[in-house]
Protein backbone atom coordinates (compact mmCIF):
# COMPACT_ATOMS: atom_id res chain seq x y z
CA LEU A 1 135.59 87.56 3.20
CA VAL A 2 134.95 89.10 -0.20
CA ARG A 3 135.52 87.95 -3.77
CA LEU A 4 134.78 89.03 -7.31
CA THR A 5 133.30 86.59 -9.81
CA ASN A 6 136.28 86.89 -12.20
CA GLU A 7 139.27 87.28 -9.84
CA SER A 8 140.25 90.96 -10.32
CA SER A 9 136.85 92.07 -11.63
CA GLY A 10 133.25 90.98 -11.54
CA LEU A 11 130.18 90.97 -9.37
CA LEU A 12 130.90 91.50 -5.69
CA GLU A 13 130.26 88.57 -3.36
CA VAL A 14 130.58 88.51 0.41
CA PHE A 15 130.74 85.63 2.89
CA TYR A 16 128.27 86.47 5.60
CA ASP A 17 126.49 84.32 8.16
CA GLY A 18 128.07 81.14 6.77
CA GLU A 19 127.08 81.70 3.15
CA TRP A 20 128.39 83.42 0.00
CA GLY A 21 126.03 85.94 -1.55
CA TYR A 22 125.86 89.27 -3.33
CA VAL A 23 125.77 92.83 -2.08
CA CYS A 24 122.80 94.94 -3.14
CA ASP A 25 123.79 98.28 -4.67
CA ASP A 26 121.61 100.46 -2.42
CA GLY A 27 123.76 103.28 -0.99
CA TRP A 28 126.92 102.07 -2.80
CA GLN A 29 129.79 104.59 -3.11
CA GLU A 30 133.03 104.52 -5.13
CA VAL A 31 135.19 104.38 -1.98
CA ASN A 32 133.62 101.01 -1.16
CA GLY A 33 135.15 99.59 -4.35
CA ASP A 34 138.60 100.79 -3.27
CA VAL A 35 138.16 99.02 0.07
CA VAL A 36 137.12 95.76 -1.66
CA CYS A 37 140.11 95.87 -4.02
CA SER A 38 142.47 96.65 -1.15
CA ILE A 39 141.14 93.64 0.78
CA LEU A 40 141.83 91.49 -2.29
CA GLY A 41 145.43 92.76 -2.49
CA TYR A 42 145.04 95.32 -5.28
CA ASP A 43 145.91 99.02 -5.11
CA GLY A 44 142.37 100.20 -5.69
CA ALA A 45 139.37 100.10 -7.99
CA ILE A 46 139.49 101.20 -11.61
CA SER A 47 135.70 101.29 -11.51
CA SER A 48 132.87 100.36 -9.24
CA SER A 49 129.42 100.47 -10.76
CA ILE A 50 125.87 99.60 -9.79
CA GLY A 51 122.81 98.28 -11.56
CA HIS A 52 124.25 95.06 -12.99
CA TYR A 53 122.09 92.06 -13.79
CA SER A 54 122.34 88.50 -12.48
CA SER A 55 119.51 86.02 -12.20
CA ASP A 56 120.93 85.02 -8.80
CA VAL A 57 119.35 87.22 -6.13
CA ASN A 58 121.08 85.63 -3.15
CA TYR A 59 121.85 88.99 -1.59
CA ARG A 60 123.49 89.03 1.84
CA LEU A 61 124.12 92.73 2.58
CA ASN A 62 123.14 96.21 1.43
CA PHE A 63 123.67 99.86 2.36
CA ILE A 64 127.44 99.42 2.77
CA ASN A 65 129.21 102.65 3.71
CA CYS A 66 133.03 102.65 4.01
CA ASN A 67 135.43 105.44 4.95
CA GLY A 68 138.28 104.03 2.86
CA ASN A 69 140.66 102.67 5.48
CA GLU A 70 138.80 99.52 6.54
CA ALA A 71 140.64 96.17 6.61
CA ASP A 72 137.46 94.19 5.97
CA LEU A 73 134.16 95.02 4.29
CA LEU A 74 132.35 94.14 7.51
CA ASP A 75 134.33 96.92 9.24
CA CYS A 76 132.20 99.34 7.19
CA SER A 77 128.69 100.14 8.27
CA TYR A 78 126.16 97.94 6.49
CA GLY A 79 122.64 96.61 6.57
CA ILE A 80 121.61 92.97 6.61
CA TYR A 81 119.67 92.22 3.46
CA THR A 82 115.90 91.98 3.76
CA PRO A 83 114.36 89.39 1.38
CA ASN A 84 112.70 90.81 -1.73
CA TYR A 85 114.19 94.26 -1.16
CA CYS A 86 116.55 94.24 -4.18
CA SER A 87 115.87 93.02 -7.69
CA VAL A 88 117.97 91.07 -10.22
CA ASN A 89 119.55 94.26 -11.62
CA GLU A 90 121.02 95.68 -8.40
CA HIS A 91 124.37 93.88 -8.31
CA ILE A 92 127.71 95.68 -7.90
CA TYR A 93 130.47 95.24 -10.49
CA ILE A 94 134.05 96.12 -9.54
CA SER A 95 137.26 96.21 -11.58
CA CYS A 96 140.46 96.34 -9.54
CA THR A 97 143.77 97.89 -10.55
CA ILE A 98 146.29 95.34 -11.83
CA TYR A 99 149.95 96.13 -12.34
CA GLU A 100 151.49 93.71 -14.81
CA GLY A 101 155.04 94.37 -13.67
CA LEU A 102 157.33 96.86 -12.09
CA VAL A 103 159.88 99.00 -13.86
CA ARG A 104 163.21 99.33 -12.10
CA LEU A 105 165.14 102.50 -12.71
CA THR A 106 168.90 102.32 -12.35
CA ASN A 107 171.71 104.83 -12.63
CA GLU A 108 174.12 103.04 -14.95
CA SER A 109 176.91 104.87 -16.67
CA SER A 110 177.90 103.87 -20.17
CA GLY A 111 181.39 103.72 -21.36
């Protein structure tokens, strides 16, 4: 399971080994953000950036490496977080694509 702290954007959290925690940004790639957003039901990531601050250092995973077609973040290769390896400014922030509505095109004749 994955979630973002503000629904469609925010710091990345993962449920691993019975507990929610953060993902350290070591080895993070843009394609990983697309996988996260896809898992959450969005079309992809607008942005995926590293080096964000949070005083909570409850990291669960790091060194995530996705190919882009994974159905779950744990389908990607990853490392189990080692205590004291990442600092407070190594969180991942993701913004997912949101479509407010769809436009329907029709072929109507006037007259």
